Amino acid sequence: MKINGTLINYYFHCKRQFWLHANRINMEYTNEDVKIGKVIHELKAEGNKNAEISIDNIKIDKITKDYLVEIKKSDADVEAVKWQVLFYLSILKNKGIYRDGKIEFQEKNKQEKKVIYVSLTEENEMKLKELNLEMEKLLEKDMPPKVGKMKGCKKCAYYEYCYI
């Protein structure tokens, strides 16, 4: 399977989730948090011609003159979304499109939304290449990694698959 933004994000969340999703074991349709995230994306995209752009095997939430914008429901895993955006920026760069990344968190019960900016540096590009090799190596395995209890497990779309 070709690496995409979702897989990059999952790789940081949980190697097991990454492997399962990459091997077409998809549980997202049952998860309420995933459904809420989709609604947030739809509302943000309404009437916006620069929203939800597909390039190759990625979907970019929004692109402006200066930024590639990724919209997330919560800031539960900033590192994962940061690398997802850097991955998108590298794909754009390979197509001759240069932008910085802007991550907007649309958390409920918060007055001000949290925004994080990222830039694709040479160091980040080298790390992305290393990550890609690590992910490919993991995907070569016949079985997913063993279940490892982590703080986000109970909210994960794969919780029932892993624990019940």
N, C-alpha and C. Protein backbone atom coordinates (compact mmCIF):
# COMPACT_ATOMS: atom_id res chain seq x y z
N MET A 1 0.85 -1.18 0.00
CA MET A 1 0.00 0.00 0.00
C MET A 1 0.88 1.23 0.00
N LYS A 2 0.48 2.21 -0.77
CA LYS A 2 1.22 3.47 -0.83
C LYS A 2 0.94 4.29 0.43
N ILE A 3 1.98 4.84 1.02
CA ILE A 3 1.84 5.62 2.25
C ILE A 3 1.05 6.88 1.95
N ASN A 4 0.11 7.21 2.84
CA ASN A 4 -0.67 8.44 2.73
C ASN A 4 -0.68 9.15 4.08
N GLY A 5 -1.36 10.28 4.15
CA GLY A 5 -1.37 11.08 5.37
C GLY A 5 -2.00 10.36 6.56
N THR A 6 -3.05 9.63 6.32
CA THR A 6 -3.71 8.89 7.40
C THR A 6 -2.74 7.87 7.99
N LEU A 7 -2.03 7.16 7.13
CA LEU A 7 -1.08 6.16 7.61
C LEU A 7 0.06 6.79 8.40
N ILE A 8 0.54 7.94 7.94
CA ILE A 8 1.60 8.64 8.70
C ILE A 8 1.07 8.96 10.09
N ASN A 9 -0.15 9.50 10.14
CA ASN A 9 -0.76 9.86 11.42
C ASN A 9 -0.89 8.63 12.31
N TYR A 10 -1.40 7.54 11.76
CA TYR A 10 -1.58 6.32 12.54
C TYR A 10 -0.25 5.74 13.01
N TYR A 11 0.77 5.86 12.19
CA TYR A 11 2.08 5.34 12.58
C TYR A 11 2.55 5.98 13.89
N PHE A 12 2.27 7.25 14.05
CA PHE A 12 2.65 7.94 15.29
C PHE A 12 1.73 7.58 16.45
N HIS A 13 0.44 7.38 16.16
CA HIS A 13 -0.52 6.98 17.20
C HIS A 13 -0.20 5.61 17.75
N CYS A 14 -0.13 4.66 16.81
CA CYS A 14 -0.03 3.26 17.22
C CYS A 14 0.39 2.43 16.00
N LYS A 15 1.47 1.71 16.16
CA LYS A 15 1.99 0.89 15.05
C LYS A 15 0.98 -0.19 14.64
N ARG A 16 0.22 -0.70 15.60
CA ARG A 16 -0.79 -1.72 15.29
C ARG A 16 -1.92 -1.10 14.45
N GLN A 17 -2.40 0.07 14.84
CA GLN A 17 -3.43 0.76 14.08
C GLN A 17 -2.94 1.03 12.65
N PHE A 18 -1.71 1.46 12.53
CA PHE A 18 -1.08 1.71 11.23
C PHE A 18 -1.12 0.44 10.37
N TRP A 19 -0.65 -0.67 10.94
CA TRP A 19 -0.58 -1.92 10.19
C TRP A 19 -1.97 -2.39 9.78
N LEU A 20 -2.92 -2.35 10.71
CA LEU A 20 -4.28 -2.81 10.41
C LEU A 20 -4.91 -1.99 9.29
N HIS A 21 -4.81 -0.68 9.39
CA HIS A 21 -5.41 0.19 8.37
C HIS A 21 -4.74 -0.02 7.01
N ALA A 22 -3.42 -0.12 7.01
CA ALA A 22 -2.69 -0.33 5.76
C ALA A 22 -3.05 -1.66 5.12
N ASN A 23 -3.46 -2.63 5.93
CA ASN A 23 -3.86 -3.94 5.42
C ASN A 23 -5.37 -4.05 5.25
N ARG A 24 -6.00 -2.91 5.07
CA ARG A 24 -7.44 -2.81 4.73
C ARG A 24 -8.38 -3.32 5.81
N ILE A 25 -7.93 -3.30 7.05
CA ILE A 25 -8.83 -3.61 8.17
C ILE A 25 -9.25 -2.25 8.72
N ASN A 26 -10.45 -1.83 8.32
CA ASN A 26 -10.89 -0.47 8.57
C ASN A 26 -12.04 -0.45 9.58
N MET A 27 -11.84 0.25 10.67
CA MET A 27 -12.85 0.32 11.72
C MET A 27 -13.40 1.74 11.92
N GLU A 28 -12.92 2.70 11.14
CA GLU A 28 -13.28 4.10 11.35
C GLU A 28 -14.78 4.36 11.25
N TYR A 29 -15.47 3.63 10.39
CA TYR A 29 -16.89 3.87 10.17
C TYR A 29 -17.73 3.68 11.44
N THR A 30 -17.20 2.99 12.43
CA THR A 30 -17.95 2.74 13.67
C THR A 30 -17.63 3.76 14.77
N ASN A 31 -16.65 4.63 14.56
CA ASN A 31 -16.15 5.49 15.61
C ASN A 31 -16.78 6.88 15.58
N GLU A 32 -17.35 7.27 16.71
CA GLU A 32 -18.03 8.56 16.82
C GLU A 32 -17.07 9.73 16.62
N ASP A 33 -15.85 9.66 17.16
CA ASP A 33 -14.88 10.74 16.99
C ASP A 33 -14.52 10.94 15.52
N VAL A 34 -14.41 9.86 14.77
CA VAL A 34 -14.10 9.96 13.34
C VAL A 34 -15.27 10.63 12.63
N LYS A 35 -16.50 10.27 12.98
CA LYS A 35 -17.68 10.88 12.37
C LYS A 35 -17.73 12.38 12.65
N ILE A 36 -17.41 12.78 13.87
CA ILE A 36 -17.40 14.20 14.24
C ILE A 36 -16.34 14.93 13.42
N GLY A 37 -15.17 14.33 13.28
CA GLY A 37 -14.09 14.93 12.48
C GLY A 37 -14.51 15.15 11.04
N LYS A 38 -15.25 14.19 10.47
CA LYS A 38 -15.72 14.33 9.09
C LYS A 38 -16.71 15.48 8.96
N VAL A 39 -17.58 15.63 9.94
CA VAL A 39 -18.55 16.72 9.91
C VAL A 39 -17.82 18.08 9.99
N ILE A 40 -16.83 18.17 10.85
CA ILE A 40 -16.04 19.41 10.96
C ILE A 40 -15.41 19.75 9.62
N HIS A 41 -14.83 18.76 8.94
CA HIS A 41 -14.23 18.99 7.63
C HIS A 41 -15.27 19.47 6.62
N GLU A 42 -16.44 18.83 6.63
CA GLU A 42 -17.49 19.21 5.68
C GLU A 42 -17.96 20.64 5.92
N LEU A 43 -18.13 21.02 7.19
CA LEU A 43 -18.56 22.38 7.51
C LEU A 43 -17.51 23.41 7.08
N LYS A 44 -16.25 23.10 7.31
CA LYS A 44 -15.17 24.02 6.93
C LYS A 44 -15.05 24.14 5.41
N ALA A 45 -15.36 23.07 4.70
CA ALA A 45 -15.20 23.06 3.24
C ALA A 45 -16.37 23.70 2.50
N GLU A 46 -17.51 23.82 3.16
CA GLU A 46 -18.71 24.34 2.52
C GLU A 46 -18.45 25.67 1.82
N GLY A 47 -18.69 25.72 0.52
CA GLY A 47 -18.54 26.95 -0.24
C GLY A 47 -17.11 27.42 -0.42
N ASN A 48 -16.15 26.60 -0.11
CA ASN A 48 -14.75 27.01 -0.22
C ASN A 48 -14.08 26.20 -1.33
N LYS A 49 -13.73 26.89 -2.42
CA LYS A 49 -13.14 26.19 -3.57
C LYS A 49 -11.73 25.67 -3.30
N ASN A 50 -11.09 26.14 -2.23
CA ASN A 50 -9.73 25.70 -1.90
C ASN A 50 -9.72 24.59 -0.86
N ALA A 51 -10.86 23.98 -0.61
CA ALA A 51 -10.95 22.96 0.44
C ALA A 51 -11.03 21.56 -0.16
N GLU A 52 -10.53 20.59 0.60
CA GLU A 52 -10.55 19.17 0.25
C GLU A 52 -10.03 18.94 -1.17
N ILE A 53 -8.73 19.08 -1.30
CA ILE A 53 -8.06 18.92 -2.58
C ILE A 53 -7.35 17.58 -2.60
N SER A 54 -7.59 16.79 -3.65
CA SER A 54 -6.93 15.50 -3.79
C SER A 54 -5.76 15.61 -4.75
N ILE A 55 -4.60 15.15 -4.28
CA ILE A 55 -3.40 15.10 -5.11
C ILE A 55 -2.80 13.71 -4.89
N ASP A 56 -2.63 12.98 -5.97
CA ASP A 56 -2.12 11.61 -5.87
C ASP A 56 -2.97 10.84 -4.87
N ASN A 57 -2.35 10.33 -3.80
CA ASN A 57 -3.09 9.54 -2.82
C ASN A 57 -3.31 10.29 -1.51
N ILE A 58 -3.30 11.62 -1.56
CA ILE A 58 -3.54 12.41 -0.34
C ILE A 58 -4.71 13.35 -0.55
N LYS A 59 -5.32 13.75 0.57
CA LYS A 59 -6.39 14.74 0.55
C LYS A 59 -5.99 15.87 1.49
N ILE A 60 -5.86 17.04 0.91
CA ILE A 60 -5.48 18.22 1.67
C ILE A 60 -6.76 18.96 2.06
N ASP A 61 -6.86 19.31 3.34
CA ASP A 61 -8.07 19.98 3.81
C ASP A 61 -8.28 21.32 3.12
N LYS A 62 -7.20 22.09 2.98
CA LYS A 62 -7.34 23.43 2.41
C LYS A 62 -5.96 23.91 1.99
N ILE A 63 -5.91 24.70 0.93
CA ILE A 63 -4.65 25.30 0.53
C ILE A 63 -4.90 26.77 0.22
N THR A 64 -4.01 27.61 0.72
CA THR A 64 -4.11 29.05 0.48
C THR A 64 -2.84 29.50 -0.23
N LYS A 65 -2.73 30.79 -0.46
CA LYS A 65 -1.55 31.35 -1.11
C LYS A 65 -0.28 31.04 -0.32
N ASP A 66 -0.39 30.99 1.00
CA ASP A 66 0.79 30.79 1.86
C ASP A 66 0.86 29.42 2.55
N TYR A 67 -0.30 28.80 2.75
CA TYR A 67 -0.32 27.61 3.62
C TYR A 67 -1.07 26.43 3.04
N LEU A 68 -0.61 25.26 3.44
CA LEU A 68 -1.39 24.04 3.36
C LEU A 68 -2.02 23.94 4.75
N VAL A 69 -3.32 23.89 4.82
CA VAL A 69 -4.03 23.91 6.10
C VAL A 69 -4.61 22.53 6.39
N GLU A 70 -4.31 22.01 7.57
CA GLU A 70 -4.88 20.75 8.04
C GLU A 70 -5.77 21.07 9.23
N ILE A 71 -7.00 20.57 9.22
CA ILE A 71 -7.97 20.84 10.28
C ILE A 71 -8.18 19.56 11.07
N LYS A 72 -8.03 19.66 12.37
CA LYS A 72 -8.21 18.50 13.25
C LYS A 72 -9.22 18.83 14.34
N LYS A 73 -9.91 17.80 14.80
CA LYS A 73 -10.91 17.95 15.86
C LYS A 73 -10.26 18.27 17.20
N SER A 74 -9.12 17.65 17.48
CA SER A 74 -8.48 17.90 18.77
C SER A 74 -6.97 17.87 18.64
N ASP A 75 -6.32 18.36 19.66
CA ASP A 75 -4.86 18.37 19.67
C ASP A 75 -4.31 17.20 20.49
N ALA A 76 -5.00 16.08 20.44
CA ALA A 76 -4.61 14.91 21.23
C ALA A 76 -3.25 14.35 20.82
N ASP A 77 -2.88 14.47 19.56
CA ASP A 77 -1.59 13.95 19.11
C ASP A 77 -0.97 14.92 18.10
N VAL A 78 -0.40 15.97 18.61
CA VAL A 78 0.18 17.03 17.79
C VAL A 78 1.32 16.49 16.92
N GLU A 79 2.14 15.63 17.48
CA GLU A 79 3.29 15.09 16.74
C GLU A 79 2.83 14.33 15.50
N ALA A 80 1.77 13.55 15.63
CA ALA A 80 1.26 12.77 14.50
C ALA A 80 0.77 13.68 13.38
N VAL A 81 0.00 14.69 13.71
CA VAL A 81 -0.53 15.58 12.68
C VAL A 81 0.59 16.45 12.09
N LYS A 82 1.57 16.80 12.89
CA LYS A 82 2.72 17.57 12.38
C LYS A 82 3.41 16.80 11.26
N TRP A 83 3.66 15.51 11.47
CA TRP A 83 4.33 14.71 10.44
C TRP A 83 3.42 14.43 9.26
N GLN A 84 2.14 14.34 9.50
CA GLN A 84 1.18 14.20 8.40
C GLN A 84 1.28 15.43 7.48
N VAL A 85 1.30 16.61 8.07
CA VAL A 85 1.39 17.86 7.29
C VAL A 85 2.74 17.95 6.58
N LEU A 86 3.82 17.58 7.27
CA LEU A 86 5.13 17.61 6.62
C LEU A 86 5.18 16.66 5.42
N PHE A 87 4.52 15.52 5.54
CA PHE A 87 4.42 14.58 4.43
C PHE A 87 3.70 15.24 3.25
N TYR A 88 2.58 15.90 3.53
CA TYR A 88 1.84 16.62 2.48
C TYR A 88 2.71 17.69 1.83
N LEU A 89 3.44 18.44 2.65
CA LEU A 89 4.31 19.50 2.13
C LEU A 89 5.38 18.93 1.21
N SER A 90 5.90 17.75 1.55
CA SER A 90 6.93 17.14 0.70
C SER A 90 6.35 16.70 -0.64
N ILE A 91 5.12 16.22 -0.63
CA ILE A 91 4.47 15.84 -1.90
C ILE A 91 4.24 17.08 -2.76
N LEU A 92 3.79 18.16 -2.13
CA LEU A 92 3.60 19.40 -2.89
C LEU A 92 4.93 19.91 -3.45
N LYS A 93 5.97 19.86 -2.62
CA LYS A 93 7.29 20.32 -3.06
C LYS A 93 7.76 19.53 -4.28
N ASN A 94 7.53 18.22 -4.27
CA ASN A 94 7.92 17.38 -5.41
C ASN A 94 7.17 17.76 -6.69
N LYS A 95 6.07 18.46 -6.54
CA LYS A 95 5.28 18.93 -7.68
C LYS A 95 5.55 20.40 -7.99
N GLY A 96 6.55 20.98 -7.29
CA GLY A 96 6.92 22.37 -7.53
C GLY A 96 6.05 23.39 -6.81
N ILE A 97 5.30 22.93 -5.80
CA ILE A 97 4.43 23.82 -5.02
C ILE A 97 5.03 23.95 -3.64
N TYR A 98 5.36 25.17 -3.26
CA TYR A 98 6.02 25.42 -1.98
C TYR A 98 5.08 26.17 -1.04
N ARG A 99 4.81 25.55 0.10
CA ARG A 99 3.96 26.15 1.12
C ARG A 99 4.53 25.81 2.49
N ASP A 100 4.07 26.51 3.49
CA ASP A 100 4.29 26.13 4.88
C ASP A 100 3.02 25.45 5.34
N GLY A 101 3.08 24.79 6.48
CA GLY A 101 1.91 24.10 7.02
C GLY A 101 1.27 24.87 8.15
N LYS A 102 -0.03 24.81 8.20
CA LYS A 102 -0.81 25.44 9.27
C LYS A 102 -1.81 24.40 9.77
N ILE A 103 -1.74 24.09 11.05
CA ILE A 103 -2.63 23.09 11.63
C ILE A 103 -3.60 23.81 12.55
N GLU A 104 -4.88 23.63 12.29
CA GLU A 104 -5.93 24.27 13.10
C GLU A 104 -6.68 23.18 13.87
N PHE A 105 -6.75 23.36 15.17
CA PHE A 105 -7.48 22.42 16.02
C PHE A 105 -8.81 23.05 16.40
N GLN A 106 -9.90 22.37 16.08
CA GLN A 106 -11.26 22.87 16.30
C GLN A 106 -11.87 22.22 17.53
N GLU A 107 -11.26 22.40 18.67
CA GLU A 107 -11.73 21.73 19.88
C GLU A 107 -12.99 22.37 20.43
N LYS A 108 -13.91 21.51 20.83
CA LYS A 108 -15.13 22.01 21.45
C LYS A 108 -14.78 22.57 22.84
N ASN A 109 -15.62 23.41 23.35
CA ASN A 109 -15.48 24.00 24.69
C ASN A 109 -14.23 24.86 24.85
N LYS A 110 -13.65 25.31 23.75
CA LYS A 110 -12.50 26.21 23.83
C LYS A 110 -12.82 27.48 23.07
N GLN A 111 -12.58 28.61 23.69
CA GLN A 111 -12.89 29.90 23.07
C GLN A 111 -12.01 30.17 21.85
N GLU A 112 -10.72 29.94 22.01
CA GLU A 112 -9.80 30.21 20.91
C GLU A 112 -9.27 28.90 20.35
N LYS A 113 -9.23 28.85 19.03
CA LYS A 113 -8.71 27.62 18.44
C LYS A 113 -7.18 27.66 18.46
N LYS A 114 -6.60 26.50 18.65
CA LYS A 114 -5.15 26.35 18.69
C LYS A 114 -4.65 26.22 17.26
N VAL A 115 -3.57 26.93 16.94
CA VAL A 115 -2.98 26.88 15.61
C VAL A 115 -1.48 26.63 15.75
N ILE A 116 -0.96 25.71 14.94
CA ILE A 116 0.46 25.39 14.93
C ILE A 116 0.96 25.52 13.50
N TYR A 117 2.15 26.07 13.35
CA TYR A 117 2.76 26.24 12.03
C TYR A 117 3.97 25.31 11.92
N VAL A 118 4.15 24.70 10.74
CA VAL A 118 5.30 23.83 10.49
C VAL A 118 5.89 24.18 9.12
N SER A 119 7.18 23.92 9.00
CA SER A 119 7.87 24.14 7.73
C SER A 119 8.66 22.90 7.37
N LEU A 120 8.73 22.64 6.09
CA LEU A 120 9.49 21.49 5.59
C LEU A 120 10.96 21.90 5.48
N THR A 121 11.77 21.39 6.37
CA THR A 121 13.21 21.66 6.36
C THR A 121 13.95 20.46 5.78
N GLU A 122 15.23 20.63 5.50
CA GLU A 122 16.03 19.49 5.02
C GLU A 122 16.04 18.38 6.06
N GLU A 123 16.13 18.77 7.33
CA GLU A 123 16.13 17.79 8.42
C GLU A 123 14.82 17.00 8.44
N ASN A 124 13.69 17.70 8.28
CA ASN A 124 12.38 17.03 8.25
C ASN A 124 12.26 16.10 7.04
N GLU A 125 12.80 16.53 5.91
CA GLU A 125 12.75 15.68 4.71
C GLU A 125 13.55 14.39 4.93
N MET A 126 14.70 14.50 5.57
CA MET A 126 15.50 13.30 5.87
C MET A 126 14.76 12.39 6.83
N LYS A 127 14.11 12.97 7.83
CA LYS A 127 13.34 12.18 8.80
C LYS A 127 12.17 11.49 8.10
N LEU A 128 11.51 12.18 7.16
CA LEU A 128 10.40 11.56 6.41
C LEU A 128 10.89 10.35 5.62
N LYS A 129 12.08 10.43 5.05
CA LYS A 129 12.63 9.28 4.31
C LYS A 129 12.88 8.11 5.26
N GLU A 130 13.41 8.41 6.45
CA GLU A 130 13.64 7.37 7.46
C GLU A 130 12.31 6.75 7.88
N LEU A 131 11.31 7.60 8.13
CA LEU A 131 9.98 7.11 8.53
C LEU A 131 9.40 6.21 7.46
N ASN A 132 9.54 6.60 6.21
CA ASN A 132 9.00 5.81 5.11
C ASN A 132 9.63 4.41 5.09
N LEU A 133 10.94 4.34 5.30
CA LEU A 133 11.62 3.03 5.35
C LEU A 133 11.12 2.20 6.53
N GLU A 134 10.95 2.84 7.69
CA GLU A 134 10.44 2.13 8.88
C GLU A 134 9.03 1.59 8.62
N MET A 135 8.19 2.43 7.99
CA MET A 135 6.81 2.01 7.72
C MET A 135 6.79 0.85 6.72
N GLU A 136 7.58 0.94 5.68
CA GLU A 136 7.63 -0.15 4.69
C GLU A 136 8.08 -1.45 5.33
N LYS A 137 9.06 -1.36 6.22
CA LYS A 137 9.56 -2.55 6.92
C LYS A 137 8.46 -3.18 7.78
N LEU A 138 7.70 -2.35 8.47
CA LEU A 138 6.60 -2.84 9.31
C LEU A 138 5.51 -3.49 8.45
N LEU A 139 5.24 -2.90 7.30
CA LEU A 139 4.19 -3.44 6.43
C LEU A 139 4.58 -4.77 5.77
N GLU A 140 5.86 -5.08 5.75
CA GLU A 140 6.31 -6.35 5.20
C GLU A 140 5.96 -7.53 6.12
N LYS A 141 5.66 -7.25 7.36
CA LYS A 141 5.35 -8.31 8.33
C LYS A 141 3.99 -8.91 8.04
N ASP A 142 3.85 -10.21 8.33
CA ASP A 142 2.60 -10.92 8.07
C ASP A 142 1.53 -10.65 9.12
N MET A 143 1.96 -10.25 10.30
CA MET A 143 1.02 -10.03 11.41
C MET A 143 1.21 -8.63 11.97
N PRO A 144 0.13 -8.07 12.54
CA PRO A 144 0.27 -6.74 13.14
C PRO A 144 1.06 -6.80 14.44
N PRO A 145 1.61 -5.67 14.87
CA PRO A 145 2.27 -5.65 16.18
C PRO A 145 1.29 -6.06 17.26
N LYS A 146 1.81 -6.55 18.36
CA LYS A 146 0.96 -6.96 19.48
C LYS A 146 0.26 -5.74 20.08
N VAL A 147 -0.85 -5.99 20.75
CA VAL A 147 -1.59 -4.92 21.42
C VAL A 147 -0.72 -4.33 22.52
N GLY A 148 -0.64 -3.04 22.56
CA GLY A 148 0.11 -2.35 23.61
C GLY A 148 -0.77 -1.26 24.18
N LYS A 149 -1.17 -1.40 25.41
CA LYS A 149 -2.10 -0.45 26.02
C LYS A 149 -1.47 0.94 26.07
N MET A 150 -2.14 1.89 25.42
CA MET A 150 -1.67 3.27 25.40
C MET A 150 -2.79 4.18 25.84
N LYS A 151 -2.48 5.42 26.11
CA LYS A 151 -3.48 6.33 26.67
C LYS A 151 -4.68 6.58 25.75
N GLY A 152 -4.49 6.51 24.44
CA GLY A 152 -5.58 6.79 23.52
C GLY A 152 -6.40 5.58 23.11
N CYS A 153 -6.11 4.42 23.65
CA CYS A 153 -6.76 3.19 23.19
C CYS A 153 -8.29 3.23 23.30
N LYS A 154 -8.80 3.72 24.40
CA LYS A 154 -10.26 3.65 24.59
C LYS A 154 -11.03 4.50 23.59
N LYS A 155 -10.41 5.52 23.02
CA LYS A 155 -11.09 6.36 22.03
C LYS A 155 -10.81 5.92 20.60
N CYS A 156 -9.94 4.95 20.45
CA CYS A 156 -9.50 4.50 19.12
C CYS A 156 -10.61 3.71 18.42
N ALA A 157 -10.71 3.88 17.11
CA ALA A 157 -11.68 3.14 16.31
C ALA A 157 -11.41 1.63 16.34
N TYR A 158 -10.18 1.24 16.65
CA TYR A 158 -9.81 -0.18 16.68
C TYR A 158 -9.89 -0.79 18.08
N TYR A 159 -10.41 -0.07 19.04
CA TYR A 159 -10.43 -0.55 20.42
C TYR A 159 -11.11 -1.92 20.53
N GLU A 160 -12.28 -2.06 19.98
CA GLU A 160 -13.02 -3.33 20.06
C GLU A 160 -12.25 -4.44 19.35
N TYR A 161 -11.64 -4.12 18.24
CA TYR A 161 -10.87 -5.13 17.49
C TYR A 161 -9.72 -5.65 18.34
N CYS A 162 -9.05 -4.74 19.03
CA CYS A 162 -7.86 -5.12 19.80
C CYS A 162 -8.17 -5.74 21.16
N TYR A 163 -9.26 -5.33 21.79
CA TYR A 163 -9.48 -5.71 23.18
C TYR A 163 -10.71 -6.57 23.45
N ILE A 164 -11.59 -6.69 22.48
CA ILE A 164 -12.83 -7.44 22.77
C ILE A 164 -12.91 -8.67 21.88
